[in-house]
Structure formats: structure tokens, C-alpha cells
Amino acid sequence: MNDLLDLYWTFVKIGSVTFGGGYAMLPILERELAEKRHWTTMDDLRDYFSIGQCTPGIIALNVSTFIGEKRHGVKGALAATVGFLTAPVLLILLIAMFLTNFAQLEIIQHAFAGIRVCVCVLIVQAVLRLWKKSVVDAPSLVIYLAVFLLNVMSFFLPVRIPAAVLVILSGVAGVLISSCRYRKAQEGGEAK
């Protein structure tokens, strides 16, 4: 029971600083879950992010559910998920009650401007960390460039390419590249 409470409170703390979405959260999740608590590895966390990107919902919430399930099964998944949602739901309720009264105040507008800048920095930091661990060879660089170009070009096309399609195509490309490498390694081993 103490482990479930620890899981819950950890994700309450993480959820209370969830600004800017999943990628902005990556450094916080890495520090809290992989470095400090050792509940997961950096590689597993990146895998959870990849899966969380492909599944419906908020990436960081999906990651909390995966971590909770890994730690304590369904009960852990529920504890982590509810913990992650507690602070944002309470904060949203408070904001909804009072925002209309304060939204036009100059200090509130400046606070939101500052938060947006901070979120941009957190996202850049997450991108750099993901880049270092993800783009490790020529094929991964080719996949990155192809997805980047398709994403940028979709702004000029009459129909945007959905992110889910790009993720699926990238996964297929990764499997194909891995299969080719495996086949070449097998052929090289048989030739000896």
C-alpha cells in the first residue's frame, strides 16, 4: 500500500508541473523516474514516449500509466494515472472559477507569456535529448529527415499528413531497416 501511495504522490508532483505537454515533460520525467527513483531506464522511458505518442491521450499521462503498470500492475497504473491527473484537474477547476475575473489583468498576461517561453525551452531540451539517443546512425538520420520534410511539406499540401501516419511509417521503416541488417548479418555469417 505504501508503494501505491508513493507512486500516487510522485505523479501528483509530476502532474502539478505539467506545462507544455509531453515533450516538455521529458526532462522532468527522466530526472524523477529514471535518475532519482530508478523506476525505469532512460531507454524504456523513451519507448514509453514513443508508444504514448501513438496512443490516444496526453503523452505524459500515458507514460504515467505505463510506469504505474510496470511497478504494480493495474493498481499501479490506476494510482499513477489518478496521481498525474489530480493536480491538473484541481488547477483547471480553480482557473475556470477565477480566470474570467483575472484574464485581462496585465500581470496574468505577462505570466502566461513567461510560461510560454519556458515551455519552448523545455521542448527544445527534450528534442535535443531525444535527438542524442534516437538519431544514432545514417538510417535513423534518413528517417528523421524524411519525417521532418514530410511534416514541413504538409503545410503546403492541400491535406496535412497526420502525425500518427508519420509515426507508423517511421516504425515500418525501422522494422525494414532492422530486417535488412539482420539478413545481411545472417548472410555474412553463412559465408564464413
C-alpha atoms as a PDB file:
ATOM      1  CA  MET A   1       0.000   0.000   0.000  1.00  0.00           C
ATOM      2  CA  ASN A   2       2.864   2.382   0.792  1.00  0.00           C
ATOM      3  CA  ASP A   3       4.313   1.736  -2.665  1.00  0.00           C
ATOM      4  CA  LEU A   4       0.995   2.682  -4.283  1.00  0.00           C
ATOM      5  CA  LEU A   5       0.818   5.874  -2.211  1.00  0.00           C
ATOM      6  CA  ASP A   6       4.402   6.686  -3.160  1.00  0.00           C
ATOM      7  CA  LEU A   7       3.504   6.114  -6.806  1.00  0.00           C
ATOM      8  CA  TYR A   8       0.407   8.303  -6.441  1.00  0.00           C
ATOM      9  CA  TRP A   9       2.237  11.188  -4.719  1.00  0.00           C
ATOM     10  CA  THR A  10       5.146  11.057  -7.138  1.00  0.00           C
ATOM     11  CA  PHE A  11       2.762  11.518 -10.049  1.00  0.00           C
ATOM     12  CA  VAL A  12       0.812  14.215  -8.178  1.00  0.00           C
ATOM     13  CA  LYS A  13       4.087  16.155  -8.025  1.00  0.00           C
ATOM     14  CA  ILE A  14       4.859  15.482 -11.679  1.00  0.00           C
ATOM     15  CA  GLY A  15       1.318  16.347 -12.755  1.00  0.00           C
ATOM     16  CA  SER A  16       1.466  19.616 -10.844  1.00  0.00           C
ATOM     17  CA  VAL A  17       4.244  20.876 -13.126  1.00  0.00           C
ATOM     18  CA  THR A  18       2.838  19.592 -16.401  1.00  0.00           C
ATOM     19  CA  PHE A  19       3.159  22.606 -18.638  1.00  0.00           C
ATOM     20  CA  GLY A  20       3.645  22.358 -22.368  1.00  0.00           C
ATOM     21  CA  GLY A  21       2.645  18.771 -22.983  1.00  0.00           C
ATOM     22  CA  GLY A  22       4.564  15.526 -23.111  1.00  0.00           C
ATOM     23  CA  TYR A  23       7.819  16.587 -24.719  1.00  0.00           C
ATOM     24  CA  ALA A  24       8.265  19.460 -22.301  1.00  0.00           C
ATOM     25  CA  MET A  25       7.805  16.890 -19.533  1.00  0.00           C
ATOM     26  CA  LEU A  26      10.535  14.516 -20.743  1.00  0.00           C
ATOM     27  CA  PRO A  27      13.368  16.131 -18.723  1.00  0.00           C
ATOM     28  CA  ILE A  28      11.220  16.135 -15.569  1.00  0.00           C
ATOM     29  CA  LEU A  29      10.173  12.504 -16.062  1.00  0.00           C
ATOM     30  CA  GLU A  30      13.767  11.457 -16.771  1.00  0.00           C
ATOM     31  CA  ARG A  31      15.050  13.167 -13.638  1.00  0.00           C
ATOM     32  CA  GLU A  32      12.268  11.958 -11.319  1.00  0.00           C
ATOM     33  CA  LEU A  33      11.615   8.435 -12.639  1.00  0.00           C
ATOM     34  CA  ALA A  34      14.905   7.259 -14.142  1.00  0.00           C
ATOM     35  CA  GLU A  35      17.631   9.172 -12.315  1.00  0.00           C
ATOM     36  CA  LYS A  36      16.144   9.766  -8.850  1.00  0.00           C
ATOM     37  CA  ARG A  37      13.786   6.816  -8.260  1.00  0.00           C
ATOM     38  CA  HIS A  38      15.193   4.266 -10.733  1.00  0.00           C
ATOM     39  CA  TRP A  39      11.679   3.111 -11.596  1.00  0.00           C
ATOM     40  CA  THR A  40      12.612   2.905 -15.257  1.00  0.00           C
ATOM     41  CA  THR A  41      15.572   3.367 -17.551  1.00  0.00           C
ATOM     42  CA  MET A  42      16.077   6.265 -19.956  1.00  0.00           C
ATOM     43  CA  ASP A  43      15.658   3.892 -22.899  1.00  0.00           C
ATOM     44  CA  ASP A  44      12.418   2.446 -21.525  1.00  0.00           C
ATOM     45  CA  LEU A  45      11.129   5.949 -20.846  1.00  0.00           C
ATOM     46  CA  ARG A  46      11.802   6.924 -24.460  1.00  0.00           C
ATOM     47  CA  ASP A  47       9.992   3.764 -25.584  1.00  0.00           C
ATOM     48  CA  TYR A  48       7.028   4.731 -23.382  1.00  0.00           C
ATOM     49  CA  PHE A  49       7.084   8.174 -25.001  1.00  0.00           C
ATOM     50  CA  SER A  50       7.024   6.601 -28.455  1.00  0.00           C
ATOM     51  CA  ILE A  51       4.102   4.359 -27.529  1.00  0.00           C
ATOM     52  CA  GLY A  52       2.381   7.249 -25.728  1.00  0.00           C
ATOM     53  CA  GLN A  53       2.667   9.308 -28.907  1.00  0.00           C
ATOM     54  CA  CYS A  54       0.841   6.604 -30.870  1.00  0.00           C
ATOM     55  CA  THR A  55      -1.964   6.077 -28.374  1.00  0.00           C
ATOM     56  CA  PRO A  56      -4.857   8.445 -27.682  1.00  0.00           C
ATOM     57  CA  GLY A  57      -4.448  10.915 -24.855  1.00  0.00           C
ATOM     58  CA  ILE A  58      -1.769  13.041 -23.287  1.00  0.00           C
ATOM     59  CA  ILE A  59       1.723  11.619 -23.744  1.00  0.00           C
ATOM     60  CA  ALA A  60       2.858  12.256 -20.155  1.00  0.00           C
ATOM     61  CA  LEU A  61      -0.380  10.740 -18.807  1.00  0.00           C
ATOM     62  CA  ASN A  62       0.125   7.644 -20.946  1.00  0.00           C
ATOM     63  CA  VAL A  63       3.694   7.377 -19.691  1.00  0.00           C
ATOM     64  CA  SER A  64       2.497   7.599 -16.076  1.00  0.00           C
ATOM     65  CA  THR A  65       0.061   4.763 -16.751  1.00  0.00           C
ATOM     66  CA  PHE A  66       2.838   2.625 -18.293  1.00  0.00           C
ATOM     67  CA  ILE A  67       5.193   3.280 -15.361  1.00  0.00           C
ATOM     68  CA  GLY A  68       2.471   2.519 -12.811  1.00  0.00           C
ATOM     69  CA  GLU A  69       1.571  -0.733 -14.581  1.00  0.00           C
ATOM     70  CA  LYS A  70       5.225  -1.745 -14.731  1.00  0.00           C
ATOM     71  CA  ARG A  71       5.613  -1.106 -10.994  1.00  0.00           C
ATOM     72  CA  HIS A  72       2.381  -2.633  -9.613  1.00  0.00           C
ATOM     73  CA  GLY A  73       0.137  -3.890 -12.401  1.00  0.00           C
ATOM     74  CA  VAL A  74      -3.363  -2.486 -12.816  1.00  0.00           C
ATOM     75  CA  LYS A  75      -3.424  -0.979  -9.294  1.00  0.00           C
ATOM     76  CA  GLY A  76      -0.161   0.833 -10.029  1.00  0.00           C
ATOM     77  CA  ALA A  77      -1.476   2.067 -13.365  1.00  0.00           C
ATOM     78  CA  LEU A  78      -4.563   3.482 -11.639  1.00  0.00           C
ATOM     79  CA  ALA A  79      -2.547   5.061  -8.815  1.00  0.00           C
ATOM     80  CA  ALA A  80      -0.096   6.717 -11.224  1.00  0.00           C
ATOM     81  CA  THR A  81      -2.820   7.874 -13.609  1.00  0.00           C
ATOM     82  CA  VAL A  82      -5.042   9.327 -10.892  1.00  0.00           C
ATOM     83  CA  GLY A  83      -1.993  10.890  -9.255  1.00  0.00           C
ATOM     84  CA  PHE A  84      -0.955  12.520 -12.507  1.00  0.00           C
ATOM     85  CA  LEU A  85      -4.476  13.888 -13.058  1.00  0.00           C
ATOM     86  CA  THR A  86      -5.096  15.186  -9.523  1.00  0.00           C
ATOM     87  CA  ALA A  87      -3.173  18.486  -9.648  1.00  0.00           C
ATOM     88  CA  PRO A  88      -4.113  19.489 -13.231  1.00  0.00           C
ATOM     89  CA  VAL A  89      -7.817  18.834 -12.628  1.00  0.00           C
ATOM     90  CA  LEU A  90      -7.801  20.869  -9.420  1.00  0.00           C
ATOM     91  CA  LEU A  91      -5.815  23.637 -11.092  1.00  0.00           C
ATOM     92  CA  ILE A  92      -8.149  23.715 -14.096  1.00  0.00           C
ATOM     93  CA  LEU A  93     -11.158  23.931 -11.799  1.00  0.00           C
ATOM     94  CA  LEU A  94      -9.589  26.857  -9.911  1.00  0.00           C
ATOM     95  CA  ILE A  95      -8.637  28.631 -13.117  1.00  0.00           C
ATOM     96  CA  ALA A  96     -12.092  28.086 -14.595  1.00  0.00           C
ATOM     97  CA  MET A  97     -13.672  29.591 -11.492  1.00  0.00           C
ATOM     98  CA  PHE A  98     -11.480  32.707 -11.437  1.00  0.00           C
ATOM     99  CA  LEU A  99      -9.953  33.186 -14.911  1.00  0.00           C
ATOM    100  CA  THR A 100     -12.751  35.273 -16.320  1.00  0.00           C
ATOM    101  CA  ASN A 101     -12.185  37.718 -13.481  1.00  0.00           C
ATOM    102  CA  PHE A 102      -8.415  37.929 -13.925  1.00  0.00           C
ATOM    103  CA  ALA A 103      -7.593  37.019 -17.548  1.00  0.00           C
ATOM    104  CA  GLN A 104      -7.430  40.639 -18.665  1.00  0.00           C
ATOM    105  CA  LEU A 105      -5.021  41.703 -15.919  1.00  0.00           C
ATOM    106  CA  GLU A 106      -1.672  42.702 -17.341  1.00  0.00           C
ATOM    107  CA  ILE A 107       0.254  40.669 -14.763  1.00  0.00           C
ATOM    108  CA  ILE A 108      -1.660  37.484 -15.727  1.00  0.00           C
ATOM    109  CA  GLN A 109      -0.957  38.088 -19.427  1.00  0.00           C
ATOM    110  CA  HIS A 110       2.746  38.557 -18.647  1.00  0.00           C
ATOM    111  CA  ALA A 111       2.745  35.375 -16.545  1.00  0.00           C
ATOM    112  CA  PHE A 112       1.279  33.395 -19.460  1.00  0.00           C
ATOM    113  CA  ALA A 113       3.876  34.911 -21.814  1.00  0.00           C
ATOM    114  CA  GLY A 114       6.647  33.803 -19.449  1.00  0.00           C
ATOM    115  CA  ILE A 115       5.197  30.302 -19.161  1.00  0.00           C
ATOM    116  CA  ARG A 116       5.064  30.008 -22.981  1.00  0.00           C
ATOM    117  CA  VAL A 117       8.771  30.902 -23.215  1.00  0.00           C
ATOM    118  CA  CYS A 118       9.649  28.358 -20.537  1.00  0.00           C
ATOM    119  CA  VAL A 119       7.641  25.661 -22.314  1.00  0.00           C
ATOM    120  CA  CYS A 120       9.541  26.374 -25.555  1.00  0.00           C
ATOM    121  CA  VAL A 121      12.854  25.903 -23.736  1.00  0.00           C
ATOM    122  CA  LEU A 122      11.665  22.635 -22.159  1.00  0.00           C
ATOM    123  CA  ILE A 123      10.556  21.327 -25.563  1.00  0.00           C
ATOM    124  CA  VAL A 124      13.914  22.241 -27.155  1.00  0.00           C
ATOM    125  CA  GLN A 125      15.704  20.470 -24.303  1.00  0.00           C
ATOM    126  CA  ALA A 126      13.554  17.362 -24.809  1.00  0.00           C
ATOM    127  CA  VAL A 127      14.179  17.402 -28.563  1.00  0.00           C
ATOM    128  CA  LEU A 128      17.949  17.596 -28.009  1.00  0.00           C
ATOM    129  CA  ARG A 129      17.864  14.697 -25.551  1.00  0.00           C
ATOM    130  CA  LEU A 130      15.717  12.605 -27.885  1.00  0.00           C
ATOM    131  CA  TRP A 131      17.981  13.506 -30.827  1.00  0.00           C
ATOM    132  CA  LYS A 132      21.097  12.318 -29.000  1.00  0.00           C
ATOM    133  CA  LYS A 133      19.598   8.904 -28.209  1.00  0.00           C
ATOM    134  CA  SER A 134      17.472   8.426 -31.347  1.00  0.00           C
ATOM    135  CA  VAL A 135      19.479   9.634 -34.328  1.00  0.00           C
ATOM    136  CA  VAL A 136      22.432   7.303 -33.888  1.00  0.00           C
ATOM    137  CA  ASP A 137      23.300   6.233 -37.434  1.00  0.00           C
ATOM    138  CA  ALA A 138      22.710   7.027 -41.103  1.00  0.00           C
ATOM    139  CA  PRO A 139      19.377   5.140 -41.423  1.00  0.00           C
ATOM    140  CA  SER A 140      17.905   6.877 -38.380  1.00  0.00           C
ATOM    141  CA  LEU A 141      19.076  10.227 -39.791  1.00  0.00           C
ATOM    142  CA  VAL A 142      17.369   9.399 -43.107  1.00  0.00           C
ATOM    143  CA  ILE A 143      14.134   8.530 -41.277  1.00  0.00           C
ATOM    144  CA  TYR A 144      14.375  11.775 -39.308  1.00  0.00           C
ATOM    145  CA  LEU A 145      14.956  13.889 -42.416  1.00  0.00           C
ATOM    146  CA  ALA A 146      12.144  12.155 -44.321  1.00  0.00           C
ATOM    147  CA  VAL A 147       9.640  12.671 -41.500  1.00  0.00           C
ATOM    148  CA  PHE A 148      10.792  16.256 -40.978  1.00  0.00           C
ATOM    149  CA  LEU A 149      10.427  17.080 -44.671  1.00  0.00           C
ATOM    150  CA  LEU A 150       7.035  15.348 -44.943  1.00  0.00           C
ATOM    151  CA  ASN A 151       5.838  17.241 -41.899  1.00  0.00           C
ATOM    152  CA  VAL A 152       7.079  20.601 -43.187  1.00  0.00           C
ATOM    153  CA  MET A 153       5.784  19.964 -46.705  1.00  0.00           C
ATOM    154  CA  SER A 154       2.350  19.029 -45.391  1.00  0.00           C
ATOM    155  CA  PHE A 155       1.830  22.715 -44.532  1.00  0.00           C
ATOM    156  CA  PHE A 156       1.878  23.422 -48.261  1.00  0.00           C
ATOM    157  CA  LEU A 157      -0.199  20.427 -49.348  1.00  0.00           C
ATOM    158  CA  PRO A 158      -3.991  20.576 -49.549  1.00  0.00           C
ATOM    159  CA  VAL A 159      -4.182  17.774 -46.953  1.00  0.00           C
ATOM    160  CA  ARG A 160      -1.947  17.549 -43.873  1.00  0.00           C
ATOM    161  CA  ILE A 161      -0.236  14.271 -43.173  1.00  0.00           C
ATOM    162  CA  PRO A 162      -1.410  13.152 -39.709  1.00  0.00           C
ATOM    163  CA  ALA A 163       1.304  12.665 -37.088  1.00  0.00           C
ATOM    164  CA  ALA A 164       0.048   9.128 -36.448  1.00  0.00           C
ATOM    165  CA  VAL A 165       0.728   8.227 -40.100  1.00  0.00           C
ATOM    166  CA  LEU A 166       4.269   9.594 -39.816  1.00  0.00           C
ATOM    167  CA  VAL A 167       4.849   7.611 -36.618  1.00  0.00           C
ATOM    168  CA  ILE A 168       3.549   4.389 -38.200  1.00  0.00           C
ATOM    169  CA  LEU A 169       5.631   4.915 -41.352  1.00  0.00           C
ATOM    170  CA  SER A 170       8.715   5.552 -39.217  1.00  0.00           C
ATOM    171  CA  GLY A 171       8.081   2.355 -37.268  1.00  0.00           C
ATOM    172  CA  VAL A 172       7.687   0.381 -40.510  1.00  0.00           C
ATOM    173  CA  ALA A 173      10.923   1.909 -41.843  1.00  0.00           C
ATOM    174  CA  GLY A 174      12.718   0.945 -38.615  1.00  0.00           C
ATOM    175  CA  VAL A 175      11.481  -2.646 -38.878  1.00  0.00           C
ATOM    176  CA  LEU A 176      12.510  -2.872 -42.552  1.00  0.00           C
ATOM    177  CA  ILE A 177      15.978  -1.481 -41.836  1.00  0.00           C
ATOM    178  CA  SER A 178      16.411  -3.859 -38.901  1.00  0.00           C
ATOM    179  CA  SER A 179      15.282  -6.814 -41.044  1.00  0.00           C
ATOM    180  CA  CYS A 180      17.750  -5.903 -43.789  1.00  0.00           C
ATOM    181  CA  ARG A 181      20.581  -5.634 -41.263  1.00  0.00           C
ATOM    182  CA  TYR A 182      19.642  -8.985 -39.719  1.00  0.00           C
ATOM    183  CA  ARG A 183      19.527 -10.647 -43.146  1.00  0.00           C
ATOM    184  CA  LYS A 184      22.918  -9.206 -44.108  1.00  0.00           C
ATOM    185  CA  ALA A 185      24.390 -10.351 -40.808  1.00  0.00           C
ATOM    186  CA  GLN A 186      22.990 -13.884 -41.370  1.00  0.00           C
ATOM    187  CA  GLU A 187      24.351 -13.992 -44.917  1.00  0.00           C
ATOM    188  CA  GLY A 188      27.719 -12.761 -43.692  1.00  0.00           C
ATOM    189  CA  GLY A 189      27.769 -15.466 -41.021  1.00  0.00           C
ATOM    190  CA  GLU A 190      26.900 -18.218 -43.521  1.00  0.00           C
ATOM    191  CA  ALA A 191      29.605 -17.096 -45.957  1.00  0.00           C
ATOM    192  CA  LYS A 192      32.295 -17.718 -43.337  1.00  0.00           C
END
